[in-house]
Amino acid sequence: MIHKSVTIGKNVVLGEHVVIEEHVTIGDDVTIGHHAIIKKDTQIGNGVKIGDLTVLGKGTASNKKMARQPKSTGMPLTIEDQVVIGSSAVVYRDVCLKKGVFVGDMASIREHVTVGEDSIIGRNAMVENNTTIGRRVTIQTGCYITADMEIEDEVFIGPCCSTSNDKYMGMGNYQYKGPTIKRGAKIGNNATLLPSVVIGEHAVIGAGAVITKDIPAGKTAVGNPGRVMK
């Protein structure tokens, strides 16, 4: 089903049972897989590839128990040129995927998120709301990127890294603030970064480390709790 208000460019390939809602714009040389759903107002650039069963431009939802209700997501999803999105991925409204971004199968990207040029969001990774990801960042399989987080350019995050932004675990008496990972830092697989920590430029976090305090630029931290190596 394609709404009559949709604008479609040249050489666009649509799979079977694709749904495209009102006021969507699709550029040239785009491929959209089977059973994909493109929600209203989504903007798709040239040369984009979208996998089967993917949902793009999804709106927010909540229930009364949620401590922080989702903010309005008035802005559409914007997908720039040459982006590749795998199968069964879900990308919300008010997201911007810059040129050349790769989003793996089953990844989820929440609202109020920007992903910089040529960055990678790995298979089954989750990126929560109000998060900024820089250019040429690699976030590998199964990572949890919390809300209110900043990741600068050329950061590497290994598989199954976990981050958090709520120091008191739902008490509601603390300002939410995720980690900040500075340019060129590297995070090992299964590392855990606690709220508000700052990982300095080109710092290295060892596999399985639990980081409770800031790590200076250029240093290596390992262990639980994480300690800077001499």
C-alpha atoms as a PDB file:
ATOM      1  CA  MET A   1       0.000   0.000   0.000  1.00  0.00           C
ATOM      2  CA  ILE A   2       1.428   3.351  -1.054  1.00  0.00           C
ATOM      3  CA  HIS A   3      -0.309   6.598  -0.097  1.00  0.00           C
ATOM      4  CA  LYS A   4      -1.090   8.917  -2.989  1.00  0.00           C
ATOM      5  CA  SER A   5       0.933  11.754  -1.396  1.00  0.00           C
ATOM      6  CA  VAL A   6       4.205   9.793  -1.520  1.00  0.00           C
ATOM      7  CA  THR A   7       7.035  11.092  -3.738  1.00  0.00           C
ATOM      8  CA  ILE A   8       9.215   8.386  -5.281  1.00  0.00           C
ATOM      9  CA  GLY A   9      12.405   8.972  -7.289  1.00  0.00           C
ATOM     10  CA  LYS A  10      13.918   7.079 -10.191  1.00  0.00           C
ATOM     11  CA  ASN A  11      15.003   3.425 -10.176  1.00  0.00           C
ATOM     12  CA  VAL A  12      13.295   2.610  -6.873  1.00  0.00           C
ATOM     13  CA  VAL A  13      12.763  -1.099  -6.158  1.00  0.00           C
ATOM     14  CA  LEU A  14       9.936  -2.043  -3.798  1.00  0.00           C
ATOM     15  CA  GLY A  15       9.510  -5.516  -2.295  1.00  0.00           C
ATOM     16  CA  GLU A  16       6.211  -7.273  -1.805  1.00  0.00           C
ATOM     17  CA  HIS A  17       3.637  -5.880   0.646  1.00  0.00           C
ATOM     18  CA  VAL A  18       5.546  -2.670   1.373  1.00  0.00           C
ATOM     19  CA  VAL A  19       3.537  -0.006   3.246  1.00  0.00           C
ATOM     20  CA  ILE A  20       4.405   3.656   2.651  1.00  0.00           C
ATOM     21  CA  GLU A  21       2.332   6.204   4.551  1.00  0.00           C
ATOM     22  CA  GLU A  22       1.492   9.810   3.667  1.00  0.00           C
ATOM     23  CA  HIS A  23       4.022  12.521   2.776  1.00  0.00           C
ATOM     24  CA  VAL A  24       7.007  10.185   2.543  1.00  0.00           C
ATOM     25  CA  THR A  25       9.775  11.242   0.154  1.00  0.00           C
ATOM     26  CA  ILE A  26      12.059   8.628  -1.421  1.00  0.00           C
ATOM     27  CA  GLY A  27      15.121   9.521  -3.518  1.00  0.00           C
ATOM     28  CA  ASP A  28      16.636   7.801  -6.533  1.00  0.00           C
ATOM     29  CA  ASP A  29      18.110   4.276  -6.641  1.00  0.00           C
ATOM     30  CA  VAL A  30      16.486   3.163  -3.375  1.00  0.00           C
ATOM     31  CA  THR A  31      15.769  -0.500  -2.559  1.00  0.00           C
ATOM     32  CA  ILE A  32      13.083  -1.382   0.004  1.00  0.00           C
ATOM     33  CA  GLY A  33      12.676  -4.998   1.140  1.00  0.00           C
ATOM     34  CA  HIS A  34       9.572  -7.126   1.572  1.00  0.00           C
ATOM     35  CA  HIS A  35       7.013  -6.133   4.231  1.00  0.00           C
ATOM     36  CA  ALA A  36       8.873  -2.951   5.160  1.00  0.00           C
ATOM     37  CA  ILE A  37       6.795  -0.146   6.726  1.00  0.00           C
ATOM     38  CA  ILE A  38       7.685   3.490   6.078  1.00  0.00           C
ATOM     39  CA  LYS A  39       5.717   5.728   8.451  1.00  0.00           C
ATOM     40  CA  LYS A  40       4.421   9.169   7.549  1.00  0.00           C
ATOM     41  CA  ASP A  41       6.729  12.115   6.767  1.00  0.00           C
ATOM     42  CA  THR A  42       9.891   9.985   6.531  1.00  0.00           C
ATOM     43  CA  GLN A  43      12.572  11.441   4.248  1.00  0.00           C
ATOM     44  CA  ILE A  44      14.816   8.974   2.411  1.00  0.00           C
ATOM     45  CA  GLY A  45      17.822  10.054   0.322  1.00  0.00           C
ATOM     46  CA  ASN A  46      19.468   8.545  -2.739  1.00  0.00           C
ATOM     47  CA  GLY A  47      21.004   5.081  -2.884  1.00  0.00           C
ATOM     48  CA  VAL A  48      19.465   3.890   0.389  1.00  0.00           C
ATOM     49  CA  LYS A  49      18.967   0.152   1.010  1.00  0.00           C
ATOM     50  CA  ILE A  50      16.278  -0.991   3.463  1.00  0.00           C
ATOM     51  CA  GLY A  51      15.915  -4.612   4.557  1.00  0.00           C
ATOM     52  CA  ASP A  52      12.855  -6.829   4.905  1.00  0.00           C
ATOM     53  CA  LEU A  53      10.392  -6.314   7.778  1.00  0.00           C
ATOM     54  CA  THR A  54      11.945  -3.015   8.846  1.00  0.00           C
ATOM     55  CA  VAL A  55       9.895  -0.181  10.403  1.00  0.00           C
ATOM     56  CA  LEU A  56      11.046   3.380   9.748  1.00  0.00           C
ATOM     57  CA  GLY A  57       9.640   6.531  11.364  1.00  0.00           C
ATOM     58  CA  LYS A  58       7.882   4.811  14.262  1.00  0.00           C
ATOM     59  CA  GLY A  59       6.176   7.046  16.851  1.00  0.00           C
ATOM     60  CA  THR A  60       6.727   6.854  20.610  1.00  0.00           C
ATOM     61  CA  ALA A  61       4.534   5.056  23.159  1.00  0.00           C
ATOM     62  CA  SER A  62       4.388   4.805  26.967  1.00  0.00           C
ATOM     63  CA  ASN A  63       2.342   3.771  29.985  1.00  0.00           C
ATOM     64  CA  LYS A  64       1.613   5.533  33.289  1.00  0.00           C
ATOM     65  CA  LYS A  65       4.404   3.733  35.167  1.00  0.00           C
ATOM     66  CA  MET A  66       7.203   5.198  33.086  1.00  0.00           C
ATOM     67  CA  ALA A  67       9.242   7.634  35.168  1.00  0.00           C
ATOM     68  CA  ARG A  68      10.023   9.803  32.182  1.00  0.00           C
ATOM     69  CA  GLN A  69       7.372  10.139  29.524  1.00  0.00           C
ATOM     70  CA  PRO A  70       8.587  10.339  25.907  1.00  0.00           C
ATOM     71  CA  LYS A  71       8.920  13.820  24.480  1.00  0.00           C
ATOM     72  CA  SER A  72       7.021  14.927  21.428  1.00  0.00           C
ATOM     73  CA  THR A  73       8.543  13.613  18.228  1.00  0.00           C
ATOM     74  CA  GLY A  74       7.343  16.193  15.749  1.00  0.00           C
ATOM     75  CA  MET A  75      10.323  15.959  13.400  1.00  0.00           C
ATOM     76  CA  PRO A  76      10.324  13.220  10.757  1.00  0.00           C
ATOM     77  CA  LEU A  77      12.918  10.508  10.371  1.00  0.00           C
ATOM     78  CA  THR A  78      15.624  11.686   7.959  1.00  0.00           C
ATOM     79  CA  ILE A  79      17.800   9.147   6.160  1.00  0.00           C
ATOM     80  CA  GLU A  80      20.583  10.662   4.084  1.00  0.00           C
ATOM     81  CA  ASP A  81      22.231   9.212   0.963  1.00  0.00           C
ATOM     82  CA  GLN A  82      23.864   5.776   0.829  1.00  0.00           C
ATOM     83  CA  VAL A  83      22.511   4.576   4.182  1.00  0.00           C
ATOM     84  CA  VAL A  84      22.050   0.803   4.607  1.00  0.00           C
ATOM     85  CA  ILE A  85      19.465  -0.539   7.069  1.00  0.00           C
ATOM     86  CA  GLY A  86      19.205  -4.267   7.733  1.00  0.00           C
ATOM     87  CA  SER A  87      16.183  -6.501   8.209  1.00  0.00           C
ATOM     88  CA  SER A  88      13.774  -6.180  11.158  1.00  0.00           C
ATOM     89  CA  ALA A  89      15.345  -2.914  12.325  1.00  0.00           C
ATOM     90  CA  VAL A  90      13.167  -0.239  13.990  1.00  0.00           C
ATOM     91  CA  VAL A  91      14.068   3.441  13.663  1.00  0.00           C
ATOM     92  CA  TYR A  92      11.856   6.066  15.321  1.00  0.00           C
ATOM     93  CA  ARG A  93      10.800   9.545  14.251  1.00  0.00           C
ATOM     94  CA  ASP A  94      13.060  12.502  15.030  1.00  0.00           C
ATOM     95  CA  VAL A  95      16.176  10.563  14.083  1.00  0.00           C
ATOM     96  CA  CYS A  96      18.806  11.624  11.568  1.00  0.00           C
ATOM     97  CA  LEU A  97      20.985   8.986   9.933  1.00  0.00           C
ATOM     98  CA  LYS A  98      23.780  10.821   8.153  1.00  0.00           C
ATOM     99  CA  LYS A  99      25.345   9.804   4.840  1.00  0.00           C
ATOM    100  CA  GLY A 100      26.808   6.309   4.692  1.00  0.00           C
ATOM    101  CA  VAL A 101      25.481   5.030   8.030  1.00  0.00           C
ATOM    102  CA  PHE A 102      25.046   1.272   8.404  1.00  0.00           C
ATOM    103  CA  VAL A 103      22.332  -0.123  10.701  1.00  0.00           C
ATOM    104  CA  GLY A 104      22.445  -3.885  11.306  1.00  0.00           C
ATOM    105  CA  ASP A 105      19.623  -6.406  11.419  1.00  0.00           C
ATOM    106  CA  MET A 106      17.247  -6.088  14.399  1.00  0.00           C
ATOM    107  CA  ALA A 107      18.836  -2.852  15.630  1.00  0.00           C
ATOM    108  CA  SER A 108      16.648  -0.265  17.378  1.00  0.00           C
ATOM    109  CA  ILE A 109      17.169   3.508  17.341  1.00  0.00           C
ATOM    110  CA  ARG A 110      14.908   5.675  19.500  1.00  0.00           C
ATOM    111  CA  GLU A 111      13.783   9.292  19.022  1.00  0.00           C
ATOM    112  CA  HIS A 112      15.981  12.413  19.313  1.00  0.00           C
ATOM    113  CA  VAL A 113      19.082  10.611  18.020  1.00  0.00           C
ATOM    114  CA  THR A 114      21.669  11.654  15.442  1.00  0.00           C
ATOM    115  CA  VAL A 115      24.105   9.160  13.942  1.00  0.00           C
ATOM    116  CA  GLY A 116      27.080  10.726  12.142  1.00  0.00           C
ATOM    117  CA  GLU A 117      28.502   9.942   8.712  1.00  0.00           C
ATOM    118  CA  ASP A 118      29.787   6.421   8.005  1.00  0.00           C
ATOM    119  CA  SER A 119      29.025   5.155  11.511  1.00  0.00           C
ATOM    120  CA  ILE A 120      27.948   1.575  12.228  1.00  0.00           C
ATOM    121  CA  ILE A 121      25.107   0.496  14.525  1.00  0.00           C
ATOM    122  CA  GLY A 122      25.634  -3.252  14.870  1.00  0.00           C
ATOM    123  CA  ARG A 123      23.246  -6.162  14.728  1.00  0.00           C
ATOM    124  CA  ASN A 124      20.723  -6.167  17.601  1.00  0.00           C
ATOM    125  CA  ALA A 125      22.223  -2.996  19.115  1.00  0.00           C
ATOM    126  CA  MET A 126      19.882  -0.600  20.938  1.00  0.00           C
ATOM    127  CA  VAL A 127      20.316   3.170  20.911  1.00  0.00           C
ATOM    128  CA  GLU A 128      18.052   5.021  23.332  1.00  0.00           C
ATOM    129  CA  ASN A 129      16.658   8.553  23.021  1.00  0.00           C
ATOM    130  CA  ASN A 130      18.448  11.917  23.366  1.00  0.00           C
ATOM    131  CA  THR A 131      21.759  10.470  22.232  1.00  0.00           C
ATOM    132  CA  THR A 132      24.332  11.864  19.808  1.00  0.00           C
ATOM    133  CA  ILE A 133      26.707   9.602  17.906  1.00  0.00           C
ATOM    134  CA  GLY A 134      29.577  11.113  15.937  1.00  0.00           C
ATOM    135  CA  ARG A 135      31.232  10.263  12.633  1.00  0.00           C
ATOM    136  CA  ARG A 136      32.925   6.940  11.849  1.00  0.00           C
ATOM    137  CA  VAL A 137      31.795   5.384  15.134  1.00  0.00           C
ATOM    138  CA  THR A 138      31.551   1.591  15.425  1.00  0.00           C
ATOM    139  CA  ILE A 139      28.974   0.148  17.833  1.00  0.00           C
ATOM    140  CA  GLN A 140      29.140  -3.622  17.588  1.00  0.00           C
ATOM    141  CA  THR A 141      26.627  -6.438  18.047  1.00  0.00           C
ATOM    142  CA  GLY A 142      24.313  -6.390  21.044  1.00  0.00           C
ATOM    143  CA  CYS A 143      25.402  -3.088  22.603  1.00  0.00           C
ATOM    144  CA  TYR A 144      23.049  -1.084  24.813  1.00  0.00           C
ATOM    145  CA  ILE A 145      23.540   2.656  24.302  1.00  0.00           C
ATOM    146  CA  THR A 146      21.547   4.431  26.991  1.00  0.00           C
ATOM    147  CA  ALA A 147      19.578   7.669  26.715  1.00  0.00           C
ATOM    148  CA  ASP A 148      21.238  11.060  27.292  1.00  0.00           C
ATOM    149  CA  MET A 149      24.607   9.872  26.029  1.00  0.00           C
ATOM    150  CA  GLU A 150      27.261  11.466  23.828  1.00  0.00           C
ATOM    151  CA  ILE A 151      29.669   9.509  21.657  1.00  0.00           C
ATOM    152  CA  GLU A 152      32.240  11.548  19.759  1.00  0.00           C
ATOM    153  CA  ASP A 153      33.903  10.761  16.413  1.00  0.00           C
ATOM    154  CA  GLU A 154      35.870   7.565  15.693  1.00  0.00           C
ATOM    155  CA  VAL A 155      34.902   5.740  18.886  1.00  0.00           C
ATOM    156  CA  PHE A 156      34.940   1.926  18.896  1.00  0.00           C
ATOM    157  CA  ILE A 157      32.526   0.037  21.172  1.00  0.00           C
ATOM    158  CA  GLY A 158      32.907  -3.734  21.310  1.00  0.00           C
ATOM    159  CA  PRO A 159      30.112  -6.319  21.438  1.00  0.00           C
ATOM    160  CA  CYS A 160      27.613  -6.350  24.314  1.00  0.00           C
ATOM    161  CA  CYS A 161      28.842  -3.160  25.976  1.00  0.00           C
ATOM    162  CA  SER A 162      26.253  -1.780  28.435  1.00  0.00           C
ATOM    163  CA  THR A 163      25.776   1.835  29.489  1.00  0.00           C
ATOM    164  CA  SER A 164      23.453   3.455  32.040  1.00  0.00           C
ATOM    165  CA  ASN A 165      22.086   6.901  32.852  1.00  0.00           C
ATOM    166  CA  ASP A 166      20.112   6.418  36.097  1.00  0.00           C
ATOM    167  CA  LYS A 167      22.331   6.354  39.190  1.00  0.00           C
ATOM    168  CA  TYR A 168      19.509   5.444  41.593  1.00  0.00           C
ATOM    169  CA  MET A 169      17.675   2.933  39.407  1.00  0.00           C
ATOM    170  CA  GLY A 170      14.211   4.395  39.090  1.00  0.00           C
ATOM    171  CA  MET A 171      14.011   6.499  42.265  1.00  0.00           C
ATOM    172  CA  GLY A 172      13.467   9.623  40.191  1.00  0.00           C
ATOM    173  CA  ASN A 173      15.717  11.833  42.361  1.00  0.00           C
ATOM    174  CA  TYR A 174      18.646  12.115  39.957  1.00  0.00           C
ATOM    175  CA  GLN A 175      19.149  13.928  36.665  1.00  0.00           C
ATOM    176  CA  TYR A 176      19.520  11.380  33.895  1.00  0.00           C
ATOM    177  CA  LYS A 177      22.959  11.549  32.324  1.00  0.00           C
ATOM    178  CA  GLY A 178      24.613   8.833  30.320  1.00  0.00           C
ATOM    179  CA  PRO A 179      28.333   8.427  29.739  1.00  0.00           C
ATOM    180  CA  THR A 180      30.362  10.686  27.472  1.00  0.00           C
ATOM    181  CA  ILE A 181      32.871   8.887  25.263  1.00  0.00           C
ATOM    182  CA  LYS A 182      35.441  11.227  23.786  1.00  0.00           C
ATOM    183  CA  ARG A 183      37.006  11.068  20.339  1.00  0.00           C
ATOM    184  CA  GLY A 184      38.908   7.919  19.440  1.00  0.00           C
ATOM    185  CA  ALA A 185      38.248   6.016  22.665  1.00  0.00           C
ATOM    186  CA  LYS A 186      37.926   2.222  22.545  1.00  0.00           C
ATOM    187  CA  ILE A 187      35.568   0.177  24.725  1.00  0.00           C
ATOM    188  CA  GLY A 188      36.121  -3.584  25.076  1.00  0.00           C
ATOM    189  CA  ASN A 189      33.416  -6.212  24.822  1.00  0.00           C
ATOM    190  CA  ASN A 190      31.059  -6.647  27.785  1.00  0.00           C
ATOM    191  CA  ALA A 191      32.317  -3.461  29.444  1.00  0.00           C
ATOM    192  CA  THR A 192      29.865  -1.530  31.634  1.00  0.00           C
ATOM    193  CA  LEU A 193      29.853   2.276  31.828  1.00  0.00           C
ATOM    194  CA  LEU A 194      27.934   3.816  34.736  1.00  0.00           C
ATOM    195  CA  PRO A 195      26.025   7.138  34.627  1.00  0.00           C
ATOM    196  CA  SER A 196      27.860  10.404  33.907  1.00  0.00           C
ATOM    197  CA  VAL A 197      31.331   8.924  33.500  1.00  0.00           C
ATOM    198  CA  VAL A 198      33.628  10.536  30.945  1.00  0.00           C
ATOM    199  CA  ILE A 199      35.957   8.352  28.889  1.00  0.00           C
ATOM    200  CA  GLY A 200      38.783  10.584  27.669  1.00  0.00           C
ATOM    201  CA  GLU A 201      40.118  10.876  24.136  1.00  0.00           C
ATOM    202  CA  HIS A 202      41.863   7.720  22.921  1.00  0.00           C
ATOM    203  CA  ALA A 203      41.370   6.002  26.290  1.00  0.00           C
ATOM    204  CA  VAL A 204      40.977   2.209  26.287  1.00  0.00           C
ATOM    205  CA  ILE A 205      38.490   0.287  28.442  1.00  0.00           C
ATOM    206  CA  GLY A 206      39.329  -3.393  28.838  1.00  0.00           C
ATOM    207  CA  ALA A 207      36.880  -6.225  28.203  1.00  0.00           C
ATOM    208  CA  GLY A 208      34.471  -6.761  31.091  1.00  0.00           C
ATOM    209  CA  ALA A 209      35.543  -3.628  32.979  1.00  0.00           C
ATOM    210  CA  VAL A 210      33.016  -1.769  35.147  1.00  0.00           C
ATOM    211  CA  ILE A 211      33.721   1.958  34.909  1.00  0.00           C
ATOM    212  CA  THR A 212      32.474   3.991  37.870  1.00  0.00           C
ATOM    213  CA  LYS A 213      34.715   7.063  37.514  1.00  0.00           C
ATOM    214  CA  ASP A 214      36.116   9.251  34.746  1.00  0.00           C
ATOM    215  CA  ILE A 215      39.041   7.815  32.774  1.00  0.00           C
ATOM    216  CA  PRO A 216      41.676  10.328  31.622  1.00  0.00           C
ATOM    217  CA  ALA A 217      42.629  10.741  27.972  1.00  0.00           C
ATOM    218  CA  GLY A 218      45.070   8.172  26.635  1.00  0.00           C
ATOM    219  CA  LYS A 219      44.821   5.859  29.655  1.00  0.00           C
ATOM    220  CA  THR A 220      43.808   2.204  29.873  1.00  0.00           C
ATOM    221  CA  ALA A 221      41.355   1.003  32.527  1.00  0.00           C
ATOM    222  CA  VAL A 222      40.598  -2.610  33.467  1.00  0.00           C
ATOM    223  CA  GLY A 223      38.781  -4.560  36.181  1.00  0.00           C
ATOM    224  CA  ASN A 224      35.776  -4.177  38.478  1.00  0.00           C
ATOM    225  CA  PRO A 225      35.699  -1.450  39.568  1.00  0.00           C
ATOM    226  CA  GLY A 226      37.730  -0.080  36.668  1.00  0.00           C
ATOM    227  CA  ARG A 227      41.221   1.114  37.584  1.00  0.00           C
ATOM    228  CA  VAL A 228      43.741   2.926  35.413  1.00  0.00           C
ATOM    229  CA  MET A 229      46.764   0.784  34.604  1.00  0.00           C
ATOM    230  CA  LYS A 230      50.164   2.203  35.495  1.00  0.00           C
END
